[in-house]
Amino acid sequence: MDAAGLYQYSLQPGKEIRSHGIQGNPIPRQTGETSPIRYIFYIIKENRTYDQVLGDIPQGNGDTSLVLFGEKYTPNQHALASEFVLLDNFYVDGEVSATA
């Protein structure tokens, strides 16, 4: 394939993404459109498994026998998980923290 053909193929995903969407969705359909979302916080606690910290939350898919730092020791993390979102089945592919 030549450079011109490759360029045309690279434009296709952007066209498809921009041409579809649900009206009223807070995620902008195109760069520069307005959104009610002002900030996104993604909080990660390094080197602890889900079960070690949040495994005691009944709504999650945790193993309570593996809890080391339950709500008594991590009240802020538990409050965040209760008030916002609980990601109990989130997987990454990496052998060490630096690669995932």
PDB file of N, CA and C in Angstrom:
ATOM      1  N   MET A   1       0.850  -1.175   0.000  1.00  0.00           N
ATOM      2  CA  MET A   1       0.000   0.000   0.000  1.00  0.00           C
ATOM      3  C   MET A   1       0.893   1.235   0.000  1.00  0.00           C
ATOM      4  N   ASP A   2       0.477   2.212  -0.763  1.00  0.00           N
ATOM      5  CA  ASP A   2       1.245   3.452  -0.829  1.00  0.00           C
ATOM      6  C   ASP A   2       0.808   4.419   0.274  1.00  0.00           C
ATOM      7  N   ALA A   3       1.525   5.512   0.413  1.00  0.00           N
ATOM      8  CA  ALA A   3       1.255   6.483   1.482  1.00  0.00           C
ATOM      9  C   ALA A   3      -0.135   7.098   1.362  1.00  0.00           C
ATOM     10  N   ALA A   4      -0.584   7.369   0.158  1.00  0.00           N
ATOM     11  CA  ALA A   4      -1.905   7.972  -0.035  1.00  0.00           C
ATOM     12  C   ALA A   4      -3.014   7.021   0.414  1.00  0.00           C
ATOM     13  N   GLY A   5      -2.863   5.749   0.081  1.00  0.00           N
ATOM     14  CA  GLY A   5      -3.852   4.756   0.494  1.00  0.00           C
ATOM     15  C   GLY A   5      -3.888   4.594   2.005  1.00  0.00           C
ATOM     16  N   LEU A   6      -2.710   4.578   2.620  1.00  0.00           N
ATOM     17  CA  LEU A   6      -2.623   4.469   4.072  1.00  0.00           C
ATOM     18  C   LEU A   6      -3.275   5.680   4.747  1.00  0.00           C
ATOM     19  N   TYR A   7      -3.061   6.857   4.168  1.00  0.00           N
ATOM     20  CA  TYR A   7      -3.667   8.073   4.709  1.00  0.00           C
ATOM     21  C   TYR A   7      -5.190   7.983   4.659  1.00  0.00           C
ATOM     22  N   GLN A   8      -5.735   7.509   3.563  1.00  0.00           N
ATOM     23  CA  GLN A   8      -7.195   7.374   3.436  1.00  0.00           C
ATOM     24  C   GLN A   8      -7.747   6.406   4.476  1.00  0.00           C
ATOM     25  N   TYR A   9      -7.046   5.298   4.696  1.00  0.00           N
ATOM     26  CA  TYR A   9      -7.476   4.342   5.720  1.00  0.00           C
ATOM     27  C   TYR A   9      -7.422   4.961   7.116  1.00  0.00           C
ATOM     28  N   SER A  10      -6.432   5.796   7.377  1.00  0.00           N
ATOM     29  CA  SER A  10      -6.298   6.404   8.706  1.00  0.00           C
ATOM     30  C   SER A  10      -7.412   7.411   8.982  1.00  0.00           C
ATOM     31  N   LEU A  11      -8.039   7.958   7.961  1.00  0.00           N
ATOM     32  CA  LEU A  11      -9.144   8.896   8.145  1.00  0.00           C
ATOM     33  C   LEU A  11     -10.453   8.197   8.488  1.00  0.00           C
ATOM     34  N   GLN A  12     -10.605   6.949   8.094  1.00  0.00           N
ATOM     35  CA  GLN A  12     -11.875   6.235   8.241  1.00  0.00           C
ATOM     36  C   GLN A  12     -12.356   6.116   9.688  1.00  0.00           C
ATOM     37  N   PRO A  13     -11.523   5.712  10.670  1.00  0.00           N
ATOM     38  CA  PRO A  13     -12.045   5.593  12.036  1.00  0.00           C
ATOM     39  C   PRO A  13     -12.604   6.902  12.575  1.00  0.00           C
ATOM     40  N   GLY A  14     -11.953   8.010  12.288  1.00  0.00           N
ATOM     41  CA  GLY A  14     -12.439   9.304  12.753  1.00  0.00           C
ATOM     42  C   GLY A  14     -13.794   9.643  12.164  1.00  0.00           C
ATOM     43  N   LYS A  15     -14.006   9.321  10.893  1.00  0.00           N
ATOM     44  CA  LYS A  15     -15.301   9.573  10.255  1.00  0.00           C
ATOM     45  C   LYS A  15     -16.388   8.742  10.925  1.00  0.00           C
ATOM     46  N   GLU A  16     -16.076   7.488  11.216  1.00  0.00           N
ATOM     47  CA  GLU A  16     -17.067   6.598  11.824  1.00  0.00           C
ATOM     48  C   GLU A  16     -17.410   7.049  13.240  1.00  0.00           C
ATOM     49  N   ILE A  17     -16.428   7.473  13.993  1.00  0.00           N
ATOM     50  CA  ILE A  17     -16.668   7.915  15.360  1.00  0.00           C
ATOM     51  C   ILE A  17     -17.518   9.187  15.364  1.00  0.00           C
ATOM     52  N   ARG A  18     -17.196  10.115  14.493  1.00  0.00           N
ATOM     53  CA  ARG A  18     -17.920  11.388  14.465  1.00  0.00           C
ATOM     54  C   ARG A  18     -19.322  11.256  13.888  1.00  0.00           C
ATOM     55  N   SER A  19     -19.550  10.257  13.047  1.00  0.00           N
ATOM     56  CA  SER A  19     -20.841  10.181  12.379  1.00  0.00           C
ATOM     57  C   SER A  19     -21.919   9.522  13.233  1.00  0.00           C
ATOM     58  N   HIS A  20     -21.567   8.906  14.339  1.00  0.00           N
ATOM     59  CA  HIS A  20     -22.540   8.227  15.187  1.00  0.00           C
ATOM     60  C   HIS A  20     -22.535   8.831  16.582  1.00  0.00           C
ATOM     61  N   GLY A  21     -23.560   8.571  17.319  1.00  0.00           N
ATOM     62  CA  GLY A  21     -23.629   9.042  18.693  1.00  0.00           C
ATOM     63  C   GLY A  21     -25.074   9.163  19.124  1.00  0.00           C
ATOM     64  N   ILE A  22     -25.270   9.273  20.398  1.00  0.00           N
ATOM     65  CA  ILE A  22     -26.604   9.389  20.961  1.00  0.00           C
ATOM     66  C   ILE A  22     -26.821  10.840  21.356  1.00  0.00           C
ATOM     67  N   GLN A  23     -27.895  11.408  20.867  1.00  0.00           N
ATOM     68  CA  GLN A  23     -28.213  12.802  21.193  1.00  0.00           C
ATOM     69  C   GLN A  23     -28.420  12.936  22.700  1.00  0.00           C
ATOM     70  N   GLY A  24     -27.850  13.954  23.318  1.00  0.00           N
ATOM     71  CA  GLY A  24     -27.987  14.178  24.744  1.00  0.00           C
ATOM     72  C   GLY A  24     -26.924  13.472  25.578  1.00  0.00           C
ATOM     73  N   ASN A  25     -26.092  12.674  24.962  1.00  0.00           N
ATOM     74  CA  ASN A  25     -25.001  12.006  25.671  1.00  0.00           C
ATOM     75  C   ASN A  25     -24.018  13.069  26.158  1.00  0.00           C
ATOM     76  N   PRO A  26     -23.573  13.005  27.422  1.00  0.00           N
ATOM     77  CA  PRO A  26     -22.666  14.044  27.929  1.00  0.00           C
ATOM     78  C   PRO A  26     -21.267  13.980  27.312  1.00  0.00           C
ATOM     79  N   ILE A  27     -20.943  12.885  26.627  1.00  0.00           N
ATOM     80  CA  ILE A  27     -19.643  12.782  25.979  1.00  0.00           C
ATOM     81  C   ILE A  27     -19.727  13.480  24.624  1.00  0.00           C
ATOM     82  N   PRO A  28     -18.913  14.501  24.378  1.00  0.00           N
ATOM     83  CA  PRO A  28     -18.984  15.218  23.106  1.00  0.00           C
ATOM     84  C   PRO A  28     -18.733  14.287  21.918  1.00  0.00           C
ATOM     85  N   ARG A  29     -19.460  14.518  20.847  1.00  0.00           N
ATOM     86  CA  ARG A  29     -19.281  13.717  19.641  1.00  0.00           C
ATOM     87  C   ARG A  29     -18.042  14.145  18.868  1.00  0.00           C
ATOM     88  N   GLN A  30     -17.663  15.418  18.993  1.00  0.00           N
ATOM     89  CA  GLN A  30     -16.485  15.929  18.298  1.00  0.00           C
ATOM     90  C   GLN A  30     -15.670  16.788  19.248  1.00  0.00           C
ATOM     91  N   THR A  31     -14.398  16.857  18.998  1.00  0.00           N
ATOM     92  CA  THR A  31     -13.517  17.699  19.798  1.00  0.00           C
ATOM     93  C   THR A  31     -13.994  19.137  19.746  1.00  0.00           C
ATOM     94  N   GLY A  32     -14.070  19.763  20.913  1.00  0.00           N
ATOM     95  CA  GLY A  32     -14.489  21.153  20.994  1.00  0.00           C
ATOM     96  C   GLY A  32     -15.942  21.346  21.358  1.00  0.00           C
ATOM     97  N   GLU A  33     -16.770  20.290  21.263  1.00  0.00           N
ATOM     98  CA  GLU A  33     -18.165  20.420  21.670  1.00  0.00           C
ATOM     99  C   GLU A  33     -18.253  20.505  23.185  1.00  0.00           C
ATOM    100  N   THR A  34     -19.313  21.131  23.682  1.00  0.00           N
ATOM    101  CA  THR A  34     -19.466  21.306  25.121  1.00  0.00           C
ATOM    102  C   THR A  34     -19.938  20.021  25.792  1.00  0.00           C
ATOM    103  N   SER A  35     -19.665  19.942  27.092  1.00  0.00           N
ATOM    104  CA  SER A  35     -20.060  18.795  27.893  1.00  0.00           C
ATOM    105  C   SER A  35     -20.277  19.261  29.327  1.00  0.00           C
ATOM    106  N   PRO A  36     -21.234  18.651  30.031  1.00  0.00           N
ATOM    107  CA  PRO A  36     -21.413  19.012  31.435  1.00  0.00           C
ATOM    108  C   PRO A  36     -20.301  18.448  32.322  1.00  0.00           C
ATOM    109  N   ILE A  37     -19.517  17.536  31.786  1.00  0.00           N
ATOM    110  CA  ILE A  37     -18.416  16.933  32.562  1.00  0.00           C
ATOM    111  C   ILE A  37     -17.266  17.927  32.607  1.00  0.00           C
ATOM    112  N   ARG A  38     -16.863  18.284  33.816  1.00  0.00           N
ATOM    113  CA  ARG A  38     -15.765  19.250  33.958  1.00  0.00           C
ATOM    114  C   ARG A  38     -14.464  18.583  34.361  1.00  0.00           C
ATOM    115  N   TYR A  39     -14.532  17.584  35.229  1.00  0.00           N
ATOM    116  CA  TYR A  39     -13.324  16.939  35.737  1.00  0.00           C
ATOM    117  C   TYR A  39     -13.537  15.439  35.810  1.00  0.00           C
ATOM    118  N   ILE A  40     -12.465  14.708  35.637  1.00  0.00           N
ATOM    119  CA  ILE A  40     -12.476  13.262  35.829  1.00  0.00           C
ATOM    120  C   ILE A  40     -11.297  12.930  36.722  1.00  0.00           C
ATOM    121  N   PHE A  41     -11.570  12.216  37.798  1.00  0.00           N
ATOM    122  CA  PHE A  41     -10.523  11.772  38.705  1.00  0.00           C
ATOM    123  C   PHE A  41     -10.432  10.269  38.616  1.00  0.00           C
ATOM    124  N   TYR A  42      -9.262   9.761  38.391  1.00  0.00           N
ATOM    125  CA  TYR A  42      -9.027   8.325  38.330  1.00  0.00           C
ATOM    126  C   TYR A  42      -8.022   8.017  39.435  1.00  0.00           C
ATOM    127  N   ILE A  43      -8.474   7.367  40.481  1.00  0.00           N
ATOM    128  CA  ILE A  43      -7.643   7.144  41.661  1.00  0.00           C
ATOM    129  C   ILE A  43      -7.151   5.706  41.658  1.00  0.00           C
ATOM    130  N   ILE A  44      -5.843   5.563  41.762  1.00  0.00           N
ATOM    131  CA  ILE A  44      -5.225   4.242  41.766  1.00  0.00           C
ATOM    132  C   ILE A  44      -4.388   4.103  43.031  1.00  0.00           C
ATOM    133  N   LYS A  45      -4.538   3.012  43.703  1.00  0.00           N
ATOM    134  CA  LYS A  45      -3.688   2.723  44.862  1.00  0.00           C
ATOM    135  C   LYS A  45      -2.754   1.601  44.437  1.00  0.00           C
ATOM    136  N   GLU A  46      -1.511   1.911  44.386  1.00  0.00           N
ATOM    137  CA  GLU A  46      -0.511   1.006  43.845  1.00  0.00           C
ATOM    138  C   GLU A  46      -0.180  -0.153  44.785  1.00  0.00           C
ATOM    139  N   ASN A  47       0.067  -1.281  44.195  1.00  0.00           N
ATOM    140  CA  ASN A  47       0.607  -2.471  44.863  1.00  0.00           C
ATOM    141  C   ASN A  47      -0.306  -3.096  45.914  1.00  0.00           C
ATOM    142  N   ARG A  48      -1.588  -2.948  45.762  1.00  0.00           N
ATOM    143  CA  ARG A  48      -2.563  -3.638  46.602  1.00  0.00           C
ATOM    144  C   ARG A  48      -3.637  -4.193  45.698  1.00  0.00           C
ATOM    145  N   THR A  49      -4.050  -5.416  45.963  1.00  0.00           N
ATOM    146  CA  THR A  49      -5.103  -6.002  45.141  1.00  0.00           C
ATOM    147  C   THR A  49      -6.458  -5.485  45.577  1.00  0.00           C
ATOM    148  N   TYR A  50      -7.422  -5.669  44.718  1.00  0.00           N
ATOM    149  CA  TYR A  50      -8.801  -5.288  45.036  1.00  0.00           C
ATOM    150  C   TYR A  50      -9.231  -5.984  46.319  1.00  0.00           C
ATOM    151  N   ASP A  51      -8.992  -7.283  46.413  1.00  0.00           N
ATOM    152  CA  ASP A  51      -9.427  -8.053  47.578  1.00  0.00           C
ATOM    153  C   ASP A  51      -8.767  -7.588  48.867  1.00  0.00           C
ATOM    154  N   GLN A  52      -7.527  -7.162  48.809  1.00  0.00           N
ATOM    155  CA  GLN A  52      -6.834  -6.712  50.015  1.00  0.00           C
ATOM    156  C   GLN A  52      -7.465  -5.460  50.605  1.00  0.00           C
ATOM    157  N   VAL A  53      -7.997  -4.580  49.753  1.00  0.00           N
ATOM    158  CA  VAL A  53      -8.521  -3.304  50.241  1.00  0.00           C
ATOM    159  C   VAL A  53     -10.050  -3.247  50.219  1.00  0.00           C
ATOM    160  N   LEU A  54     -10.658  -3.652  49.123  1.00  0.00           N
ATOM    161  CA  LEU A  54     -12.112  -3.498  48.972  1.00  0.00           C
ATOM    162  C   LEU A  54     -12.860  -4.828  48.948  1.00  0.00           C
ATOM    163  N   GLY A  55     -12.190  -5.889  49.286  1.00  0.00           N
ATOM    164  CA  GLY A  55     -12.830  -7.199  49.258  1.00  0.00           C
ATOM    165  C   GLY A  55     -13.943  -7.367  50.267  1.00  0.00           C
ATOM    166  N   ASP A  56     -14.066  -6.446  51.217  1.00  0.00           N
ATOM    167  CA  ASP A  56     -15.111  -6.544  52.241  1.00  0.00           C
ATOM    168  C   ASP A  56     -16.393  -5.806  51.864  1.00  0.00           C
ATOM    169  N   ILE A  57     -16.428  -5.210  50.682  1.00  0.00           N
ATOM    170  CA  ILE A  57     -17.645  -4.508  50.250  1.00  0.00           C
ATOM    171  C   ILE A  57     -18.623  -5.545  49.683  1.00  0.00           C
ATOM    172  N   PRO A  58     -19.805  -5.686  50.279  1.00  0.00           N
ATOM    173  CA  PRO A  58     -20.735  -6.736  49.866  1.00  0.00           C
ATOM    174  C   PRO A  58     -21.219  -6.615  48.426  1.00  0.00           C
ATOM    175  N   GLN A  59     -21.257  -5.398  47.856  1.00  0.00           N
ATOM    176  CA  GLN A  59     -21.735  -5.219  46.485  1.00  0.00           C
ATOM    177  C   GLN A  59     -20.715  -5.687  45.449  1.00  0.00           C
ATOM    178  N   GLY A  60     -19.474  -5.879  45.855  1.00  0.00           N
ATOM    179  CA  GLY A  60     -18.424  -6.253  44.921  1.00  0.00           C
ATOM    180  C   GLY A  60     -18.242  -7.754  44.813  1.00  0.00           C
ATOM    181  N   ASN A  61     -17.323  -8.127  43.957  1.00  0.00           N
ATOM    182  CA  ASN A  61     -17.003  -9.527  43.723  1.00  0.00           C
ATOM    183  C   ASN A  61     -15.669  -9.841  44.401  1.00  0.00           C
ATOM    184  N   GLY A  62     -15.594  -9.582  45.701  1.00  0.00           N
ATOM    185  CA  GLY A  62     -14.339  -9.748  46.426  1.00  0.00           C
ATOM    186  C   GLY A  62     -14.305 -11.007  47.262  1.00  0.00           C
ATOM    187  N   ASP A  63     -13.103 -11.349  47.698  1.00  0.00           N
ATOM    188  CA  ASP A  63     -12.882 -12.497  48.577  1.00  0.00           C
ATOM    189  C   ASP A  63     -12.553 -11.950  49.962  1.00  0.00           C
ATOM    190  N   THR A  64     -13.495 -12.048  50.884  1.00  0.00           N
ATOM    191  CA  THR A  64     -13.307 -11.467  52.215  1.00  0.00           C
ATOM    192  C   THR A  64     -12.168 -12.112  52.988  1.00  0.00           C
ATOM    193  N   SER A  65     -11.788 -13.322  52.626  1.00  0.00           N
ATOM    194  CA  SER A  65     -10.683 -13.975  53.338  1.00  0.00           C
ATOM    195  C   SER A  65      -9.332 -13.336  53.007  1.00  0.00           C
ATOM    196  N   LEU A  66      -9.280 -12.516  51.968  1.00  0.00           N
ATOM    197  CA  LEU A  66      -8.022 -11.878  51.553  1.00  0.00           C
ATOM    198  C   LEU A  66      -7.913 -10.417  52.005  1.00  0.00           C
ATOM    199  N   VAL A  67      -8.930  -9.904  52.706  1.00  0.00           N
ATOM    200  CA  VAL A  67      -8.925  -8.496  53.130  1.00  0.00           C
ATOM    201  C   VAL A  67      -7.835  -8.265  54.172  1.00  0.00           C
ATOM    202  N   LEU A  68      -6.936  -7.327  53.879  1.00  0.00           N
ATOM    203  CA  LEU A  68      -5.889  -6.915  54.822  1.00  0.00           C
ATOM    204  C   LEU A  68      -6.128  -5.499  55.331  1.00  0.00           C
ATOM    205  N   PHE A  69      -6.715  -4.666  54.481  1.00  0.00           N
ATOM    206  CA  PHE A  69      -6.922  -3.256  54.802  1.00  0.00           C
ATOM    207  C   PHE A  69      -8.387  -2.915  54.569  1.00  0.00           C
ATOM    208  N   GLY A  70      -9.256  -3.432  55.406  1.00  0.00           N
ATOM    209  CA  GLY A  70     -10.692  -3.214  55.263  1.00  0.00           C
ATOM    210  C   GLY A  70     -11.099  -1.790  55.577  1.00  0.00           C
ATOM    211  N   GLU A  71     -12.391  -1.584  55.718  1.00  0.00           N
ATOM    212  CA  GLU A  71     -12.931  -0.233  55.897  1.00  0.00           C
ATOM    213  C   GLU A  71     -12.372   0.470  57.129  1.00  0.00           C
ATOM    214  N   LYS A  72     -12.032  -0.267  58.157  1.00  0.00           N
ATOM    215  CA  LYS A  72     -11.458   0.333  59.371  1.00  0.00           C
ATOM    216  C   LYS A  72     -10.161   1.078  59.061  1.00  0.00           C
ATOM    217  N   TYR A  73      -9.366   0.533  58.113  1.00  0.00           N
ATOM    218  CA  TYR A  73      -8.061   1.117  57.790  1.00  0.00           C
ATOM    219  C   TYR A  73      -8.070   1.981  56.531  1.00  0.00           C
ATOM    220  N   THR A  74      -9.078   1.814  55.703  1.00  0.00           N
ATOM    221  CA  THR A  74      -9.149   2.587  54.453  1.00  0.00           C
ATOM    222  C   THR A  74     -10.540   3.222  54.287  1.00  0.00           C
ATOM    223  N   PRO A  75     -10.943   4.058  55.237  1.00  0.00           N
ATOM    224  CA  PRO A  75     -12.291   4.632  55.161  1.00  0.00           C
ATOM    225  C   PRO A  75     -12.498   5.544  53.951  1.00  0.00           C
ATOM    226  N   ASN A  76     -11.463   6.250  53.536  1.00  0.00           N
ATOM    227  CA  ASN A  76     -11.613   7.145  52.386  1.00  0.00           C
ATOM    228  C   ASN A  76     -11.838   6.356  51.098  1.00  0.00           C
ATOM    229  N   GLN A  77     -11.080   5.285  50.901  1.00  0.00           N
ATOM    230  CA  GLN A  77     -11.258   4.481  49.695  1.00  0.00           C
ATOM    231  C   GLN A  77     -12.631   3.817  49.683  1.00  0.00           C
ATOM    232  N   HIS A  78     -13.071   3.360  50.827  1.00  0.00           N
ATOM    233  CA  HIS A  78     -14.393   2.747  50.909  1.00  0.00           C
ATOM    234  C   HIS A  78     -15.493   3.780  50.641  1.00  0.00           C
ATOM    235  N   ALA A  79     -15.315   4.991  51.153  1.00  0.00           N
ATOM    236  CA  ALA A  79     -16.307   6.042  50.918  1.00  0.00           C
ATOM    237  C   ALA A  79     -16.381   6.393  49.434  1.00  0.00           C
ATOM    238  N   LEU A  80     -15.234   6.480  48.773  1.00  0.00           N
ATOM    239  CA  LEU A  80     -15.219   6.767  47.336  1.00  0.00           C
ATOM    240  C   LEU A  80     -15.913   5.661  46.549  1.00  0.00           C
ATOM    241  N   ALA A  81     -15.623   4.411  46.907  1.00  0.00           N
ATOM    242  CA  ALA A  81     -16.243   3.281  46.208  1.00  0.00           C
ATOM    243  C   ALA A  81     -17.749   3.255  46.442  1.00  0.00           C
ATOM    244  N   SER A  82     -18.188   3.636  47.623  1.00  0.00           N
ATOM    245  CA  SER A  82     -19.620   3.643  47.936  1.00  0.00           C
ATOM    246  C   SER A  82     -20.350   4.788  47.248  1.00  0.00           C
ATOM    247  N   GLU A  83     -19.706   5.939  47.194  1.00  0.00           N
ATOM    248  CA  GLU A  83     -20.380   7.109  46.647  1.00  0.00           C
ATOM    249  C   GLU A  83     -20.329   7.173  45.124  1.00  0.00           C
ATOM    250  N   PHE A  84     -19.252   6.666  44.521  1.00  0.00           N
ATOM    251  CA  PHE A  84     -19.097   6.826  43.079  1.00  0.00           C
ATOM    252  C   PHE A  84     -19.170   5.500  42.333  1.00  0.00           C
ATOM    253  N   VAL A  85     -18.084   4.773  42.260  1.00  0.00           N
ATOM    254  CA  VAL A  85     -18.086   3.543  41.451  1.00  0.00           C
ATOM    255  C   VAL A  85     -17.169   2.504  42.093  1.00  0.00           C
ATOM    256  N   LEU A  86     -17.546   1.252  41.918  1.00  0.00           N
ATOM    257  CA  LEU A  86     -16.761   0.142  42.436  1.00  0.00           C
ATOM    258  C   LEU A  86     -16.297  -0.689  41.250  1.00  0.00           C
ATOM    259  N   LEU A  87     -15.014  -0.663  40.946  1.00  0.00           N
ATOM    260  CA  LEU A  87     -14.467  -1.434  39.822  1.00  0.00           C
ATOM    261  C   LEU A  87     -13.893  -2.735  40.367  1.00  0.00           C
ATOM    262  N   ASP A  88     -14.743  -3.758  40.433  1.00  0.00           N
ATOM    263  CA  ASP A  88     -14.305  -5.003  41.042  1.00  0.00           C
ATOM    264  C   ASP A  88     -13.776  -6.021  40.051  1.00  0.00           C
ATOM    265  N   ASN A  89     -13.957  -5.816  38.782  1.00  0.00           N
ATOM    266  CA  ASN A  89     -13.435  -6.738  37.771  1.00  0.00           C
ATOM    267  C   ASN A  89     -12.698  -5.950  36.701  1.00  0.00           C
ATOM    268  N   PHE A  90     -11.593  -5.365  37.077  1.00  0.00           N
ATOM    269  CA  PHE A  90     -10.775  -4.549  36.184  1.00  0.00           C
ATOM    270  C   PHE A  90      -9.445  -5.264  36.011  1.00  0.00           C
ATOM    271  N   TYR A  91      -9.108  -5.627  34.795  1.00  0.00           N
ATOM    272  CA  TYR A  91      -7.914  -6.427  34.545  1.00  0.00           C
ATOM    273  C   TYR A  91      -6.941  -5.674  33.644  1.00  0.00           C
ATOM    274  N   VAL A  92      -5.662  -5.893  33.875  1.00  0.00           N
ATOM    275  CA  VAL A  92      -4.627  -5.338  33.019  1.00  0.00           C
ATOM    276  C   VAL A  92      -3.653  -6.443  32.672  1.00  0.00           C
ATOM    277  N   ASP A  93      -2.958  -6.260  31.578  1.00  0.00           N
ATOM    278  CA  ASP A  93      -1.999  -7.249  31.129  1.00  0.00           C
ATOM    279  C   ASP A  93      -0.586  -6.703  31.345  1.00  0.00           C
ATOM    280  N   GLY A  94       0.040  -7.125  32.403  1.00  0.00           N
ATOM    281  CA  GLY A  94       1.390  -6.679  32.663  1.00  0.00           C
ATOM    282  C   GLY A  94       2.037  -7.563  33.724  1.00  0.00           C
ATOM    283  N   GLU A  95       3.300  -7.803  33.547  1.00  0.00           N
ATOM    284  CA  GLU A  95       4.000  -8.650  34.502  1.00  0.00           C
ATOM    285  C   GLU A  95       4.399  -7.896  35.771  1.00  0.00           C
ATOM    286  N   VAL A  96       4.622  -6.603  35.622  1.00  0.00           N
ATOM    287  CA  VAL A  96       4.965  -5.754  36.767  1.00  0.00           C
ATOM    288  C   VAL A  96       4.217  -4.438  36.632  1.00  0.00           C
ATOM    289  N   SER A  97       4.127  -3.675  37.695  1.00  0.00           N
ATOM    290  CA  SER A  97       3.374  -2.421  37.676  1.00  0.00           C
ATOM    291  C   SER A  97       3.858  -1.455  36.602  1.00  0.00           C
ATOM    292  N   ALA A  98       5.136  -1.454  36.330  1.00  0.00           N
ATOM    293  CA  ALA A  98       5.685  -0.504  35.371  1.00  0.00           C
ATOM    294  C   ALA A  98       5.180  -0.736  33.951  1.00  0.00           C
ATOM    295  N   THR A  99       4.783  -1.963  33.615  1.00  0.00           N
ATOM    296  CA  THR A  99       4.315  -2.228  32.243  1.00  0.00           C
ATOM    297  C   THR A  99       2.810  -2.212  32.126  1.00  0.00           C
ATOM    298  N   ALA A 100       2.088  -2.123  33.221  1.00  0.00           N
ATOM    299  CA  ALA A 100       0.624  -2.109  33.114  1.00  0.00           C
ATOM    300  C   ALA A 100       0.131  -0.919  33.874  1.00  0.00           C
TER     301      ALA A 100
END
